[in-house]
Amino acid sequence: MGFTISSSEKDGIALVNVEGEIDMFTSPNLRDTLLPFFKKKTEGIVVDLSLVSFMDSSGIATLVEGLQWSKKEKRAFVLSGLGKTVFNALSLTKLDNVFTIKKNIQEALDWISEHPV
């Protein structure tokens, strides 16, 4: 399966859409997409993982790095649309209790609006 990533901004919130497999070859692309949003003045970042079919430890590490950046820069960092495979990967590492996880992009946007950092 291929890997694509796109990003946009909506009302000061960055939306990052990922499709395919996040592994040691593609996780640097995710990192490179996330990093500029922490340098800009965004309220938060939503990473939509609804079209991600697989994520290995390097993908998890990239998301943890994003969470660390968000805390340092005082920005919301929300994951949305986790399928069973991705949720299980986070659950096995107990990170499902560390990340803010929402069912879809709209719930993630609403959560950021209700929880300004």
C-alpha atoms as a PDB file:
ATOM      1  CA  MET A   1       0.000   0.000   0.000  1.00  0.00           C
ATOM      2  CA  GLY A   2       1.179   3.522  -0.756  1.00  0.00           C
ATOM      3  CA  PHE A   3       1.556   6.407   1.611  1.00  0.00           C
ATOM      4  CA  THR A   4       0.137   9.892   1.209  1.00  0.00           C
ATOM      5  CA  ILE A   5      -0.024  12.815   3.556  1.00  0.00           C
ATOM      6  CA  SER A   6      -1.742  16.151   3.140  1.00  0.00           C
ATOM      7  CA  SER A   7      -2.232  19.119   5.371  1.00  0.00           C
ATOM      8  CA  SER A   8      -4.341  22.243   5.587  1.00  0.00           C
ATOM      9  CA  GLU A   9      -5.484  24.797   8.131  1.00  0.00           C
ATOM     10  CA  LYS A  10      -9.026  25.530   9.286  1.00  0.00           C
ATOM     11  CA  ASP A  11      -9.733  28.377  11.693  1.00  0.00           C
ATOM     12  CA  GLY A  12      -6.158  28.341  13.017  1.00  0.00           C
ATOM     13  CA  ILE A  13      -6.090  24.572  13.483  1.00  0.00           C
ATOM     14  CA  ALA A  14      -3.791  22.385  11.409  1.00  0.00           C
ATOM     15  CA  LEU A  15      -5.335  19.305   9.814  1.00  0.00           C
ATOM     16  CA  VAL A  16      -2.949  16.521   8.841  1.00  0.00           C
ATOM     17  CA  ASN A  17      -4.480  13.649   6.864  1.00  0.00           C
ATOM     18  CA  VAL A  18      -2.491  10.448   6.573  1.00  0.00           C
ATOM     19  CA  GLU A  19      -3.244   7.477   4.334  1.00  0.00           C
ATOM     20  CA  GLY A  20      -1.443   4.149   4.085  1.00  0.00           C
ATOM     21  CA  GLU A  21       1.197   2.613   6.318  1.00  0.00           C
ATOM     22  CA  ILE A  22       3.251   4.586   8.814  1.00  0.00           C
ATOM     23  CA  ASP A  23       6.542   2.769   9.225  1.00  0.00           C
ATOM     24  CA  MET A  24      10.240   3.491   9.441  1.00  0.00           C
ATOM     25  CA  PHE A  25      10.263   4.625   5.808  1.00  0.00           C
ATOM     26  CA  THR A  26       7.226   6.928   5.934  1.00  0.00           C
ATOM     27  CA  SER A  27       7.309   8.265   9.517  1.00  0.00           C
ATOM     28  CA  PRO A  28       9.964  10.895   8.610  1.00  0.00           C
ATOM     29  CA  ASN A  29       7.429  12.337   6.119  1.00  0.00           C
ATOM     30  CA  LEU A  30       4.860  12.602   8.901  1.00  0.00           C
ATOM     31  CA  ARG A  31       7.418  14.294  11.144  1.00  0.00           C
ATOM     32  CA  ASP A  32       8.371  16.745   8.402  1.00  0.00           C
ATOM     33  CA  THR A  33       4.697  17.611   7.892  1.00  0.00           C
ATOM     34  CA  LEU A  34       3.972  18.114  11.601  1.00  0.00           C
ATOM     35  CA  LEU A  35       7.020  20.184  12.544  1.00  0.00           C
ATOM     36  CA  PRO A  36       6.168  23.418  10.647  1.00  0.00           C
ATOM     37  CA  PHE A  37       2.795  23.608  12.391  1.00  0.00           C
ATOM     38  CA  PHE A  38       4.537  23.839  15.754  1.00  0.00           C
ATOM     39  CA  LYS A  39       6.634  26.725  14.464  1.00  0.00           C
ATOM     40  CA  LYS A  40       3.543  28.583  13.239  1.00  0.00           C
ATOM     41  CA  LYS A  41       0.933  30.110  15.492  1.00  0.00           C
ATOM     42  CA  THR A  42      -1.707  27.409  15.288  1.00  0.00           C
ATOM     43  CA  GLU A  43      -4.187  26.664  18.069  1.00  0.00           C
ATOM     44  CA  GLY A  44      -3.711  22.975  17.652  1.00  0.00           C
ATOM     45  CA  ILE A  45      -3.065  20.070  15.356  1.00  0.00           C
ATOM     46  CA  VAL A  46      -5.434  17.273  14.380  1.00  0.00           C
ATOM     47  CA  VAL A  47      -3.860  14.165  12.878  1.00  0.00           C
ATOM     48  CA  ASP A  48      -6.486  12.140  11.005  1.00  0.00           C
ATOM     49  CA  LEU A  49      -5.456   8.499  10.953  1.00  0.00           C
ATOM     50  CA  SER A  50      -8.728   7.075   9.620  1.00  0.00           C
ATOM     51  CA  LEU A  51      -7.059   5.852   6.406  1.00  0.00           C
ATOM     52  CA  VAL A  52      -3.959   4.404   8.084  1.00  0.00           C
ATOM     53  CA  SER A  53      -3.868   0.626   7.735  1.00  0.00           C
ATOM     54  CA  PHE A  54      -0.695  -0.050   9.747  1.00  0.00           C
ATOM     55  CA  MET A  55       1.612   1.785  12.127  1.00  0.00           C
ATOM     56  CA  ASP A  56       4.846   0.449  13.598  1.00  0.00           C
ATOM     57  CA  SER A  57       6.934   1.710  16.505  1.00  0.00           C
ATOM     58  CA  SER A  58       8.559   4.447  14.414  1.00  0.00           C
ATOM     59  CA  GLY A  59       5.106   5.848  13.642  1.00  0.00           C
ATOM     60  CA  ILE A  60       4.216   5.741  17.319  1.00  0.00           C
ATOM     61  CA  ALA A  61       7.500   7.488  18.137  1.00  0.00           C
ATOM     62  CA  THR A  62       6.700  10.245  15.627  1.00  0.00           C
ATOM     63  CA  LEU A  63       3.292  10.817  17.239  1.00  0.00           C
ATOM     64  CA  VAL A  64       4.900  10.899  20.694  1.00  0.00           C
ATOM     65  CA  GLU A  65       7.371  13.471  19.388  1.00  0.00           C
ATOM     66  CA  GLY A  66       4.428  15.536  18.110  1.00  0.00           C
ATOM     67  CA  LEU A  67       2.794  15.303  21.530  1.00  0.00           C
ATOM     68  CA  GLN A  68       6.016  16.477  23.178  1.00  0.00           C
ATOM     69  CA  TRP A  69       6.253  19.428  20.771  1.00  0.00           C
ATOM     70  CA  SER A  70       2.635  20.307  21.483  1.00  0.00           C
ATOM     71  CA  LYS A  71       3.236  20.410  25.226  1.00  0.00           C
ATOM     72  CA  LYS A  72       6.379  22.494  24.791  1.00  0.00           C
ATOM     73  CA  GLU A  73       4.640  24.953  22.448  1.00  0.00           C
ATOM     74  CA  LYS A  74       1.345  24.865  24.391  1.00  0.00           C
ATOM     75  CA  ARG A  75      -0.731  23.587  21.478  1.00  0.00           C
ATOM     76  CA  ALA A  76      -3.483  21.006  21.362  1.00  0.00           C
ATOM     77  CA  PHE A  77      -2.539  17.729  19.660  1.00  0.00           C
ATOM     78  CA  VAL A  78      -5.433  15.429  18.821  1.00  0.00           C
ATOM     79  CA  LEU A  79      -5.543  12.115  16.973  1.00  0.00           C
ATOM     80  CA  SER A  80      -8.736  11.268  15.107  1.00  0.00           C
ATOM     81  CA  GLY A  81     -10.295   8.371  13.260  1.00  0.00           C
ATOM     82  CA  LEU A  82      -8.139   5.594  14.653  1.00  0.00           C
ATOM     83  CA  GLY A  83      -8.928   2.230  13.125  1.00  0.00           C
ATOM     84  CA  LYS A  84      -8.638  -0.955  15.133  1.00  0.00           C
ATOM     85  CA  THR A  85      -5.043  -1.677  14.056  1.00  0.00           C
ATOM     86  CA  VAL A  86      -3.734   1.775  14.976  1.00  0.00           C
ATOM     87  CA  PHE A  87      -5.747   1.920  18.198  1.00  0.00           C
ATOM     88  CA  ASN A  88      -4.410  -1.499  19.218  1.00  0.00           C
ATOM     89  CA  ALA A  89      -0.833  -0.337  18.603  1.00  0.00           C
ATOM     90  CA  LEU A  90      -1.381   2.657  20.907  1.00  0.00           C
ATOM     91  CA  SER A  91      -3.284   0.555  23.420  1.00  0.00           C
ATOM     92  CA  LEU A  92      -0.533  -2.059  23.697  1.00  0.00           C
ATOM     93  CA  THR A  93       1.919   0.679  24.619  1.00  0.00           C
ATOM     94  CA  LYS A  94      -0.631   2.311  26.986  1.00  0.00           C
ATOM     95  CA  LEU A  95      -0.450   5.483  24.906  1.00  0.00           C
ATOM     96  CA  ASP A  96      -4.196   5.445  24.280  1.00  0.00           C
ATOM     97  CA  ASN A  97      -4.412   7.018  27.750  1.00  0.00           C
ATOM     98  CA  VAL A  98      -1.781   9.663  26.943  1.00  0.00           C
ATOM     99  CA  PHE A  99      -3.076  11.036  23.632  1.00  0.00           C
ATOM    100  CA  THR A 100      -6.326  12.898  23.121  1.00  0.00           C
ATOM    101  CA  ILE A 101      -8.206  10.631  20.715  1.00  0.00           C
ATOM    102  CA  LYS A 102     -11.471  11.524  18.987  1.00  0.00           C
ATOM    103  CA  LYS A 103     -13.701   9.550  16.610  1.00  0.00           C
ATOM    104  CA  ASN A 104     -13.447  11.970  13.703  1.00  0.00           C
ATOM    105  CA  ILE A 105     -12.066  15.314  12.587  1.00  0.00           C
ATOM    106  CA  GLN A 106     -15.150  17.273  13.630  1.00  0.00           C
ATOM    107  CA  GLU A 107     -15.024  15.899  17.188  1.00  0.00           C
ATOM    108  CA  ALA A 108     -11.324  16.755  17.312  1.00  0.00           C
ATOM    109  CA  LEU A 109     -11.962  20.325  16.116  1.00  0.00           C
ATOM    110  CA  ASP A 110     -14.791  20.720  18.629  1.00  0.00           C
ATOM    111  CA  TRP A 111     -12.560  19.414  21.442  1.00  0.00           C
ATOM    112  CA  ILE A 112      -9.823  21.937  20.609  1.00  0.00           C
ATOM    113  CA  SER A 113     -12.383  24.755  20.568  1.00  0.00           C
ATOM    114  CA  GLU A 114     -13.695  23.666  23.973  1.00  0.00           C
ATOM    115  CA  HIS A 115     -10.219  23.152  25.502  1.00  0.00           C
ATOM    116  CA  PRO A 116      -8.020  26.104  24.586  1.00  0.00           C
ATOM    117  CA  VAL A 117      -4.431  25.588  25.638  1.00  0.00           C
END
